[in-house]
Amino acid sequence: MSKAPTLSQLRDSLAPSARMPLVFLGHGSPMNALEDTAYSRAWTDLGRALPRPEAILVVSAHWMTEGTTLVDVSALPRTIHDFYGFPRPLYEMTYPAPGNPALAREVATLLASHHAETDDRWGLDHGAWAVLRFLYPEADVPVFQLSIDMTQDLPHHVEIGRTLSELRDRGVLILGSGNVVHNLRAMRPGGRPQDFALEFDSLFADRLEARDFDALADRPKLGSLLRMAHPTVDHYLPALTVAGASDARDDLTFMTDAIDLGSVSMRSFVFHDRKAA
């Protein structure tokens, strides 16, 4: 498995390209949006390295639907504070980026075979704005979200990524936000990483690096380890969608690969055009 590179190495890898990179960020606790952490600093550095997109499509673990994939077409997406019991300053944060209704409607058409529909009631949940505020702090890049259909099994979400991949050639940054391991019931604040968390995180990184997306979407073979890592798979699905949008021309870079709170993987990764020799 590859060691996580320094962000300066990642910056050097992100050479100017006609295709936008793909990003998956392990977002972890909402407090990362408020505090100065290793993760928020890494997101800031990543934002400085990324090219400026025409628009951002976010697949967040926190917009779950059943039987349909919704695309937010609102012109001014609202900031959603979808968490409880945190300090007041977190609820006062906003991310006033514009939407892109025309492009969002195109995406709904593109995903018609995946039961996609438009929606203007959602906005930006904390899986989106809590990381975007570091990537693009001026909130001046149009952004819209895509929901995850929880009635569909894992391969469906890889296929969603494959379908979306053509957007990369149109200046669209596809950003997934979730966690490679996410078991809140098994958290150990301040404790060492759980064995199952380390095992699944390592397996995921190895299979991702091998581009074996079928293995990452094979629920029966992942078995009890997947159930331990993800009692529900909502935080896993955005990683599969981002993986599905990659292809053989991409290099893969890992970053922030720590296990937080014992059972939450903060592993993040970027697919980007292979740098010409």
C-alpha atoms as a PDB file:
ATOM      1  CA  MET A   1       0.000   0.000   0.000  1.00  0.00           C
ATOM      2  CA  SER A   2       1.276   3.494  -0.827  1.00  0.00           C
ATOM      3  CA  LYS A   3       2.365   5.802   1.939  1.00  0.00           C
ATOM      4  CA  ALA A   4       0.440   9.048   2.156  1.00  0.00           C
ATOM      5  CA  PRO A   5       2.500  11.691   0.347  1.00  0.00           C
ATOM      6  CA  THR A   6       3.136  15.163   1.578  1.00  0.00           C
ATOM      7  CA  LEU A   7       0.763  17.766   0.246  1.00  0.00           C
ATOM      8  CA  SER A   8       3.661  19.445  -1.537  1.00  0.00           C
ATOM      9  CA  GLN A   9       4.161  16.216  -3.480  1.00  0.00           C
ATOM     10  CA  LEU A  10       0.463  16.164  -4.305  1.00  0.00           C
ATOM     11  CA  ARG A  11       0.658  19.777  -5.476  1.00  0.00           C
ATOM     12  CA  ASP A  12       3.476  18.837  -7.826  1.00  0.00           C
ATOM     13  CA  SER A  13       1.392  15.945  -9.165  1.00  0.00           C
ATOM     14  CA  LEU A  14      -1.582  18.147 -10.008  1.00  0.00           C
ATOM     15  CA  ALA A  15      -0.179  19.465 -13.247  1.00  0.00           C
ATOM     16  CA  PRO A  16      -2.477  21.621 -15.386  1.00  0.00           C
ATOM     17  CA  SER A  17      -4.851  19.352 -17.269  1.00  0.00           C
ATOM     18  CA  ALA A  18      -7.949  19.545 -19.396  1.00  0.00           C
ATOM     19  CA  ARG A  19      -9.555  17.034 -17.049  1.00  0.00           C
ATOM     20  CA  MET A  20     -10.482  17.842 -13.481  1.00  0.00           C
ATOM     21  CA  PRO A  21      -9.198  15.578 -10.719  1.00  0.00           C
ATOM     22  CA  LEU A  22     -11.486  13.534  -8.498  1.00  0.00           C
ATOM     23  CA  VAL A  23     -11.457  14.039  -4.740  1.00  0.00           C
ATOM     24  CA  PHE A  24     -12.732  11.983  -1.833  1.00  0.00           C
ATOM     25  CA  LEU A  25     -12.391  13.490   1.634  1.00  0.00           C
ATOM     26  CA  GLY A  26     -12.913  11.730   4.933  1.00  0.00           C
ATOM     27  CA  HIS A  27     -14.798  14.501   6.697  1.00  0.00           C
ATOM     28  CA  GLY A  28     -15.135  13.036  10.206  1.00  0.00           C
ATOM     29  CA  SER A  29     -16.553  15.174  12.985  1.00  0.00           C
ATOM     30  CA  PRO A  30     -18.306  18.472  12.184  1.00  0.00           C
ATOM     31  CA  MET A  31     -15.825  20.026  14.612  1.00  0.00           C
ATOM     32  CA  ASN A  32     -13.206  19.829  11.870  1.00  0.00           C
ATOM     33  CA  ALA A  33     -15.060  22.747  10.274  1.00  0.00           C
ATOM     34  CA  LEU A  34     -14.547  24.847  13.409  1.00  0.00           C
ATOM     35  CA  GLU A  35     -11.201  23.800  14.835  1.00  0.00           C
ATOM     36  CA  ASP A  36      -7.650  23.986  13.546  1.00  0.00           C
ATOM     37  CA  THR A  37      -6.933  20.283  12.966  1.00  0.00           C
ATOM     38  CA  ALA A  38      -4.538  18.251  10.856  1.00  0.00           C
ATOM     39  CA  TYR A  39      -7.501  17.503   8.604  1.00  0.00           C
ATOM     40  CA  SER A  40      -8.689  21.077   8.114  1.00  0.00           C
ATOM     41  CA  ARG A  41      -5.107  22.154   7.403  1.00  0.00           C
ATOM     42  CA  ALA A  42      -4.744  19.374   4.839  1.00  0.00           C
ATOM     43  CA  TRP A  43      -7.991  20.469   3.149  1.00  0.00           C
ATOM     44  CA  THR A  44      -6.718  24.047   2.970  1.00  0.00           C
ATOM     45  CA  ASP A  45      -3.478  22.890   1.382  1.00  0.00           C
ATOM     46  CA  LEU A  46      -5.366  20.662  -1.042  1.00  0.00           C
ATOM     47  CA  GLY A  47      -7.545  23.594  -2.080  1.00  0.00           C
ATOM     48  CA  ARG A  48      -4.429  25.584  -2.933  1.00  0.00           C
ATOM     49  CA  ALA A  49      -3.185  22.705  -5.093  1.00  0.00           C
ATOM     50  CA  LEU A  50      -6.411  21.981  -6.951  1.00  0.00           C
ATOM     51  CA  PRO A  51      -7.251  23.728 -10.217  1.00  0.00           C
ATOM     52  CA  ARG A  52     -10.191  26.080 -10.112  1.00  0.00           C
ATOM     53  CA  PRO A  53     -13.264  24.233 -11.416  1.00  0.00           C
ATOM     54  CA  GLU A  54     -16.183  25.588 -13.383  1.00  0.00           C
ATOM     55  CA  ALA A  55     -18.491  23.857 -10.885  1.00  0.00           C
ATOM     56  CA  ILE A  56     -18.369  21.308  -8.068  1.00  0.00           C
ATOM     57  CA  LEU A  57     -20.619  18.259  -7.825  1.00  0.00           C
ATOM     58  CA  VAL A  58     -20.683  16.885  -4.277  1.00  0.00           C
ATOM     59  CA  VAL A  59     -21.713  13.360  -3.327  1.00  0.00           C
ATOM     60  CA  SER A  60     -22.154  13.508   0.447  1.00  0.00           C
ATOM     61  CA  ALA A  61     -22.893  10.745   2.927  1.00  0.00           C
ATOM     62  CA  HIS A  62     -25.518  12.995   4.483  1.00  0.00           C
ATOM     63  CA  TRP A  63     -28.026  13.216   1.644  1.00  0.00           C
ATOM     64  CA  MET A  64     -29.700   9.826   1.583  1.00  0.00           C
ATOM     65  CA  THR A  65     -32.733   9.025  -0.566  1.00  0.00           C
ATOM     66  CA  GLU A  66     -34.707   5.879  -1.319  1.00  0.00           C
ATOM     67  CA  GLY A  67     -35.631   4.735  -4.808  1.00  0.00           C
ATOM     68  CA  THR A  68     -34.234   7.773  -6.609  1.00  0.00           C
ATOM     69  CA  THR A  69     -31.071   9.825  -7.078  1.00  0.00           C
ATOM     70  CA  LEU A  70     -31.819  13.493  -6.514  1.00  0.00           C
ATOM     71  CA  VAL A  71     -29.863  16.401  -7.989  1.00  0.00           C
ATOM     72  CA  ASP A  72     -30.093  19.768  -6.241  1.00  0.00           C
ATOM     73  CA  VAL A  73     -31.043  22.456  -8.766  1.00  0.00           C
ATOM     74  CA  SER A  74     -31.399  25.369  -6.336  1.00  0.00           C
ATOM     75  CA  ALA A  75     -29.845  28.649  -7.454  1.00  0.00           C
ATOM     76  CA  LEU A  76     -28.593  29.520  -3.952  1.00  0.00           C
ATOM     77  CA  PRO A  77     -28.123  26.303  -1.971  1.00  0.00           C
ATOM     78  CA  ARG A  78     -28.865  26.785   1.714  1.00  0.00           C
ATOM     79  CA  THR A  79     -26.340  25.811   4.389  1.00  0.00           C
ATOM     80  CA  ILE A  80     -27.752  22.833   6.308  1.00  0.00           C
ATOM     81  CA  HIS A  81     -26.667  22.304   9.924  1.00  0.00           C
ATOM     82  CA  ASP A  82     -27.547  18.615  10.116  1.00  0.00           C
ATOM     83  CA  PHE A  83     -26.028  17.741  13.494  1.00  0.00           C
ATOM     84  CA  TYR A  84     -26.900  18.138  17.165  1.00  0.00           C
ATOM     85  CA  GLY A  85     -25.190  19.104  20.395  1.00  0.00           C
ATOM     86  CA  PHE A  86     -22.262  21.064  18.987  1.00  0.00           C
ATOM     87  CA  PRO A  87     -21.035  24.587  19.902  1.00  0.00           C
ATOM     88  CA  ARG A  88     -23.087  27.529  18.686  1.00  0.00           C
ATOM     89  CA  PRO A  89     -20.373  28.917  16.345  1.00  0.00           C
ATOM     90  CA  LEU A  90     -20.733  25.788  14.236  1.00  0.00           C
ATOM     91  CA  TYR A  91     -24.420  26.547  13.667  1.00  0.00           C
ATOM     92  CA  GLU A  92     -23.577  30.112  12.691  1.00  0.00           C
ATOM     93  CA  MET A  93     -21.328  29.042   9.820  1.00  0.00           C
ATOM     94  CA  THR A  94     -22.612  29.512   6.300  1.00  0.00           C
ATOM     95  CA  TYR A  95     -21.235  28.648   2.879  1.00  0.00           C
ATOM     96  CA  PRO A  96     -23.027  31.008   0.474  1.00  0.00           C
ATOM     97  CA  ALA A  97     -21.812  29.534  -2.809  1.00  0.00           C
ATOM     98  CA  PRO A  98     -24.134  29.769  -5.819  1.00  0.00           C
ATOM     99  CA  GLY A  99     -25.670  26.688  -7.361  1.00  0.00           C
ATOM    100  CA  ASN A 100     -25.648  25.769 -11.028  1.00  0.00           C
ATOM    101  CA  PRO A 101     -29.251  24.889 -11.899  1.00  0.00           C
ATOM    102  CA  ALA A 102     -28.624  24.413 -15.627  1.00  0.00           C
ATOM    103  CA  LEU A 103     -25.748  21.986 -15.116  1.00  0.00           C
ATOM    104  CA  ALA A 104     -27.582  20.201 -12.312  1.00  0.00           C
ATOM    105  CA  ARG A 105     -30.536  19.580 -14.628  1.00  0.00           C
ATOM    106  CA  GLU A 106     -28.125  18.204 -17.231  1.00  0.00           C
ATOM    107  CA  VAL A 107     -26.758  15.811 -14.615  1.00  0.00           C
ATOM    108  CA  ALA A 108     -30.282  14.641 -13.807  1.00  0.00           C
ATOM    109  CA  THR A 109     -30.768  13.899 -17.510  1.00  0.00           C
ATOM    110  CA  LEU A 110     -27.405  12.150 -17.680  1.00  0.00           C
ATOM    111  CA  LEU A 111     -28.472   9.918 -14.798  1.00  0.00           C
ATOM    112  CA  ALA A 112     -31.987   9.277 -16.082  1.00  0.00           C
ATOM    113  CA  SER A 113     -31.328   5.534 -16.248  1.00  0.00           C
ATOM    114  CA  HIS A 114     -30.427   5.680 -12.549  1.00  0.00           C
ATOM    115  CA  HIS A 115     -33.848   7.093 -11.614  1.00  0.00           C
ATOM    116  CA  ALA A 116     -32.506  10.618 -11.189  1.00  0.00           C
ATOM    117  CA  GLU A 117     -34.824  13.532 -10.459  1.00  0.00           C
ATOM    118  CA  THR A 118     -34.306  17.210  -9.715  1.00  0.00           C
ATOM    119  CA  ASP A 119     -34.824  18.752  -6.287  1.00  0.00           C
ATOM    120  CA  ASP A 120     -34.690  22.351  -5.071  1.00  0.00           C
ATOM    121  CA  ARG A 121     -35.201  21.808  -1.331  1.00  0.00           C
ATOM    122  CA  TRP A 122     -31.877  20.393  -0.177  1.00  0.00           C
ATOM    123  CA  GLY A 123     -28.824  22.655  -0.377  1.00  0.00           C
ATOM    124  CA  LEU A 124     -25.412  21.891   1.163  1.00  0.00           C
ATOM    125  CA  ASP A 125     -25.231  19.565   4.161  1.00  0.00           C
ATOM    126  CA  HIS A 126     -22.221  19.496   6.448  1.00  0.00           C
ATOM    127  CA  GLY A 127     -20.576  16.728   4.416  1.00  0.00           C
ATOM    128  CA  ALA A 128     -20.297  19.355   1.691  1.00  0.00           C
ATOM    129  CA  TRP A 129     -19.767  22.761   3.287  1.00  0.00           C
ATOM    130  CA  ALA A 130     -17.556  21.609   6.169  1.00  0.00           C
ATOM    131  CA  VAL A 131     -14.843  20.660   3.662  1.00  0.00           C
ATOM    132  CA  LEU A 132     -15.623  23.169   0.902  1.00  0.00           C
ATOM    133  CA  ARG A 133     -15.015  26.064   3.269  1.00  0.00           C
ATOM    134  CA  PHE A 134     -11.350  24.994   3.303  1.00  0.00           C
ATOM    135  CA  LEU A 135     -11.009  23.957  -0.338  1.00  0.00           C
ATOM    136  CA  TYR A 136     -12.619  27.112  -1.766  1.00  0.00           C
ATOM    137  CA  PRO A 137     -13.002  29.528   1.165  1.00  0.00           C
ATOM    138  CA  GLU A 138     -14.386  32.379  -0.946  1.00  0.00           C
ATOM    139  CA  ALA A 139     -17.478  30.267  -1.752  1.00  0.00           C
ATOM    140  CA  ASP A 140     -17.290  31.617  -5.297  1.00  0.00           C
ATOM    141  CA  VAL A 141     -17.405  28.343  -7.261  1.00  0.00           C
ATOM    142  CA  PRO A 142     -20.894  27.046  -8.169  1.00  0.00           C
ATOM    143  CA  VAL A 143     -21.711  23.870  -6.259  1.00  0.00           C
ATOM    144  CA  PHE A 144     -24.570  21.373  -6.140  1.00  0.00           C
ATOM    145  CA  GLN A 145     -25.196  18.033  -4.491  1.00  0.00           C
ATOM    146  CA  LEU A 146     -26.168  14.578  -5.669  1.00  0.00           C
ATOM    147  CA  SER A 147     -27.969  12.226  -3.291  1.00  0.00           C
ATOM    148  CA  ILE A 148     -27.133   8.578  -2.602  1.00  0.00           C
ATOM    149  CA  ASP A 149     -29.937   6.068  -3.214  1.00  0.00           C
ATOM    150  CA  MET A 150     -29.811   3.761  -0.204  1.00  0.00           C
ATOM    151  CA  THR A 151     -32.014   1.150  -1.876  1.00  0.00           C
ATOM    152  CA  GLN A 152     -29.297   0.378  -4.439  1.00  0.00           C
ATOM    153  CA  ASP A 153     -26.400  -1.944  -3.697  1.00  0.00           C
ATOM    154  CA  LEU A 154     -22.718  -1.049  -3.907  1.00  0.00           C
ATOM    155  CA  PRO A 155     -22.054  -1.660  -7.638  1.00  0.00           C
ATOM    156  CA  HIS A 156     -24.789   0.852  -8.532  1.00  0.00           C
ATOM    157  CA  HIS A 157     -22.789   3.651  -6.916  1.00  0.00           C
ATOM    158  CA  VAL A 158     -19.621   2.712  -8.782  1.00  0.00           C
ATOM    159  CA  GLU A 159     -21.656   2.879 -11.992  1.00  0.00           C
ATOM    160  CA  ILE A 160     -22.984   6.322 -11.024  1.00  0.00           C
ATOM    161  CA  GLY A 161     -19.357   7.459 -10.952  1.00  0.00           C
ATOM    162  CA  ARG A 162     -18.650   5.969 -14.374  1.00  0.00           C
ATOM    163  CA  THR A 163     -21.611   7.837 -15.794  1.00  0.00           C
ATOM    164  CA  LEU A 164     -20.546  11.110 -14.194  1.00  0.00           C
ATOM    165  CA  SER A 165     -16.941  10.805 -15.357  1.00  0.00           C
ATOM    166  CA  GLU A 166     -17.558  12.749 -18.577  1.00  0.00           C
ATOM    167  CA  LEU A 167     -18.145  15.869 -16.465  1.00  0.00           C
ATOM    168  CA  ARG A 168     -14.436  15.963 -15.696  1.00  0.00           C
ATOM    169  CA  ASP A 169     -13.786  17.123 -19.256  1.00  0.00           C
ATOM    170  CA  ARG A 170     -16.161  20.026 -18.706  1.00  0.00           C
ATOM    171  CA  GLY A 171     -14.352  21.518 -15.742  1.00  0.00           C
ATOM    172  CA  VAL A 172     -16.491  19.859 -13.068  1.00  0.00           C
ATOM    173  CA  LEU A 173     -14.805  18.726  -9.860  1.00  0.00           C
ATOM    174  CA  ILE A 174     -16.493  15.600  -8.493  1.00  0.00           C
ATOM    175  CA  LEU A 175     -16.072  15.614  -4.723  1.00  0.00           C
ATOM    176  CA  GLY A 176     -17.065  12.700  -2.500  1.00  0.00           C
ATOM    177  CA  SER A 177     -17.411  13.263   1.235  1.00  0.00           C
ATOM    178  CA  GLY A 178     -17.802  10.440   3.742  1.00  0.00           C
ATOM    179  CA  ASN A 179     -15.432   8.083   5.562  1.00  0.00           C
ATOM    180  CA  VAL A 180     -13.746   4.855   4.468  1.00  0.00           C
ATOM    181  CA  VAL A 181     -14.528   3.462   7.936  1.00  0.00           C
ATOM    182  CA  HIS A 182     -17.441   4.885   9.905  1.00  0.00           C
ATOM    183  CA  ASN A 183     -18.695   3.059  12.995  1.00  0.00           C
ATOM    184  CA  LEU A 184     -19.865   5.581  15.580  1.00  0.00           C
ATOM    185  CA  ARG A 185     -20.971   2.842  17.972  1.00  0.00           C
ATOM    186  CA  ALA A 186     -17.373   1.630  18.285  1.00  0.00           C
ATOM    187  CA  MET A 187     -15.740   5.026  18.853  1.00  0.00           C
ATOM    188  CA  ARG A 188     -12.984   5.308  21.452  1.00  0.00           C
ATOM    189  CA  PRO A 189     -12.360   9.018  21.985  1.00  0.00           C
ATOM    190  CA  GLY A 190      -8.633   9.353  22.492  1.00  0.00           C
ATOM    191  CA  GLY A 191      -8.164   5.595  22.167  1.00  0.00           C
ATOM    192  CA  ARG A 192      -6.136   3.481  19.792  1.00  0.00           C
ATOM    193  CA  PRO A 193      -7.627   2.453  16.435  1.00  0.00           C
ATOM    194  CA  GLN A 194      -9.869  -0.578  16.480  1.00  0.00           C
ATOM    195  CA  ASP A 195      -8.432  -3.633  14.708  1.00  0.00           C
ATOM    196  CA  PHE A 196     -11.374  -3.889  12.304  1.00  0.00           C
ATOM    197  CA  ALA A 197     -10.947  -0.218  11.361  1.00  0.00           C
ATOM    198  CA  LEU A 198      -7.289  -0.697  10.506  1.00  0.00           C
ATOM    199  CA  GLU A 199      -8.051  -3.883   8.568  1.00  0.00           C
ATOM    200  CA  PHE A 200     -10.829  -2.428   6.450  1.00  0.00           C
ATOM    201  CA  ASP A 201      -8.963   0.820   5.820  1.00  0.00           C
ATOM    202  CA  SER A 202      -5.919  -1.126   4.642  1.00  0.00           C
ATOM    203  CA  LEU A 203      -8.006  -3.450   2.467  1.00  0.00           C
ATOM    204  CA  PHE A 204      -9.771  -0.480   0.898  1.00  0.00           C
ATOM    205  CA  ALA A 205      -6.509   1.307   0.112  1.00  0.00           C
ATOM    206  CA  ASP A 206      -4.956  -1.823  -1.383  1.00  0.00           C
ATOM    207  CA  ARG A 207      -7.949  -2.579  -3.612  1.00  0.00           C
ATOM    208  CA  LEU A 208      -8.313   1.065  -4.634  1.00  0.00           C
ATOM    209  CA  GLU A 209      -4.662   1.224  -5.608  1.00  0.00           C
ATOM    210  CA  ALA A 210      -5.099  -1.978  -7.643  1.00  0.00           C
ATOM    211  CA  ARG A 211      -8.198  -0.439  -9.288  1.00  0.00           C
ATOM    212  CA  ASP A 212     -10.153  -3.501  -8.145  1.00  0.00           C
ATOM    213  CA  PHE A 213     -13.433  -1.659  -7.715  1.00  0.00           C
ATOM    214  CA  ASP A 214     -15.415  -4.893  -8.108  1.00  0.00           C
ATOM    215  CA  ALA A 215     -13.824  -6.134  -4.873  1.00  0.00           C
ATOM    216  CA  LEU A 216     -14.703  -2.890  -3.085  1.00  0.00           C
ATOM    217  CA  ALA A 217     -18.324  -3.284  -4.196  1.00  0.00           C
ATOM    218  CA  ASP A 218     -18.641  -7.020  -3.436  1.00  0.00           C
ATOM    219  CA  ARG A 219     -20.762  -7.001  -0.303  1.00  0.00           C
ATOM    220  CA  PRO A 220     -20.809 -10.812   0.193  1.00  0.00           C
ATOM    221  CA  LYS A 221     -17.010 -11.106  -0.022  1.00  0.00           C
ATOM    222  CA  LEU A 222     -16.446  -8.074   2.206  1.00  0.00           C
ATOM    223  CA  GLY A 223     -18.782  -9.801   4.637  1.00  0.00           C
ATOM    224  CA  SER A 224     -18.587  -9.125   8.343  1.00  0.00           C
ATOM    225  CA  LEU A 225     -15.633  -6.768   7.956  1.00  0.00           C
ATOM    226  CA  LEU A 226     -17.792  -4.387   5.920  1.00  0.00           C
ATOM    227  CA  ARG A 227     -20.559  -4.654   8.522  1.00  0.00           C
ATOM    228  CA  MET A 228     -18.105  -3.738  11.262  1.00  0.00           C
ATOM    229  CA  ALA A 229     -16.620  -0.854   9.285  1.00  0.00           C
ATOM    230  CA  HIS A 230     -20.043   0.386   8.161  1.00  0.00           C
ATOM    231  CA  PRO A 231     -23.121  -0.573  10.180  1.00  0.00           C
ATOM    232  CA  THR A 232     -24.798   1.507   7.472  1.00  0.00           C
ATOM    233  CA  VAL A 233     -22.978   2.174   4.186  1.00  0.00           C
ATOM    234  CA  ASP A 234     -23.906   5.842   3.709  1.00  0.00           C
ATOM    235  CA  HIS A 235     -20.351   7.046   4.449  1.00  0.00           C
ATOM    236  CA  TYR A 236     -18.860   4.393   2.137  1.00  0.00           C
ATOM    237  CA  LEU A 237     -20.906   5.045  -0.986  1.00  0.00           C
ATOM    238  CA  PRO A 238     -19.362   8.441  -1.935  1.00  0.00           C
ATOM    239  CA  ALA A 239     -15.931   6.770  -2.040  1.00  0.00           C
ATOM    240  CA  LEU A 240     -17.261   4.183  -4.496  1.00  0.00           C
ATOM    241  CA  THR A 241     -18.754   6.873  -6.723  1.00  0.00           C
ATOM    242  CA  VAL A 242     -15.480   8.796  -6.857  1.00  0.00           C
ATOM    243  CA  ALA A 243     -13.584   5.573  -7.613  1.00  0.00           C
ATOM    244  CA  GLY A 244     -16.012   4.758 -10.408  1.00  0.00           C
ATOM    245  CA  ALA A 245     -15.331   8.093 -12.106  1.00  0.00           C
ATOM    246  CA  SER A 246     -11.604   7.336 -12.428  1.00  0.00           C
ATOM    247  CA  ASP A 247      -9.890   5.582 -15.320  1.00  0.00           C
ATOM    248  CA  ALA A 248      -6.533   4.193 -16.446  1.00  0.00           C
ATOM    249  CA  ARG A 249      -5.147   7.661 -17.169  1.00  0.00           C
ATOM    250  CA  ASP A 250      -5.301   8.612 -13.492  1.00  0.00           C
ATOM    251  CA  ASP A 251      -2.693   8.465 -10.801  1.00  0.00           C
ATOM    252  CA  LEU A 252      -3.882   7.955  -7.233  1.00  0.00           C
ATOM    253  CA  THR A 253      -2.652   9.931  -4.239  1.00  0.00           C
ATOM    254  CA  PHE A 254      -3.628   9.195  -0.633  1.00  0.00           C
ATOM    255  CA  MET A 255      -3.686  11.783   2.151  1.00  0.00           C
ATOM    256  CA  THR A 256      -4.798  12.052   5.818  1.00  0.00           C
ATOM    257  CA  ASP A 257      -4.889   8.286   6.333  1.00  0.00           C
ATOM    258  CA  ALA A 258      -5.312   8.288  10.138  1.00  0.00           C
ATOM    259  CA  ILE A 259      -7.996   6.464  12.132  1.00  0.00           C
ATOM    260  CA  ASP A 260      -9.767   9.043  14.313  1.00  0.00           C
ATOM    261  CA  LEU A 261     -11.718   8.270  17.489  1.00  0.00           C
ATOM    262  CA  GLY A 262     -10.848   4.599  17.156  1.00  0.00           C
ATOM    263  CA  SER A 263     -13.310   3.746  14.404  1.00  0.00           C
ATOM    264  CA  VAL A 264     -13.476   6.590  11.856  1.00  0.00           C
ATOM    265  CA  SER A 265     -11.039   6.514   8.943  1.00  0.00           C
ATOM    266  CA  MET A 266      -9.992   9.969   7.815  1.00  0.00           C
ATOM    267  CA  ARG A 267      -8.349   8.561   4.690  1.00  0.00           C
ATOM    268  CA  SER A 268      -8.741  10.862   1.716  1.00  0.00           C
ATOM    269  CA  PHE A 269      -7.615  10.378  -1.863  1.00  0.00           C
ATOM    270  CA  VAL A 270      -7.266  12.173  -5.151  1.00  0.00           C
ATOM    271  CA  PHE A 271      -7.352  10.735  -8.669  1.00  0.00           C
ATOM    272  CA  HIS A 272      -5.568  13.011 -11.128  1.00  0.00           C
ATOM    273  CA  ASP A 273      -4.177  12.876 -14.644  1.00  0.00           C
ATOM    274  CA  ARG A 274      -0.899  11.025 -14.860  1.00  0.00           C
ATOM    275  CA  LYS A 275       1.887  13.536 -15.164  1.00  0.00           C
ATOM    276  CA  ALA A 276       3.645  13.331 -18.497  1.00  0.00           C
ATOM    277  CA  ALA A 277       7.200  12.033 -18.299  1.00  0.00           C
END
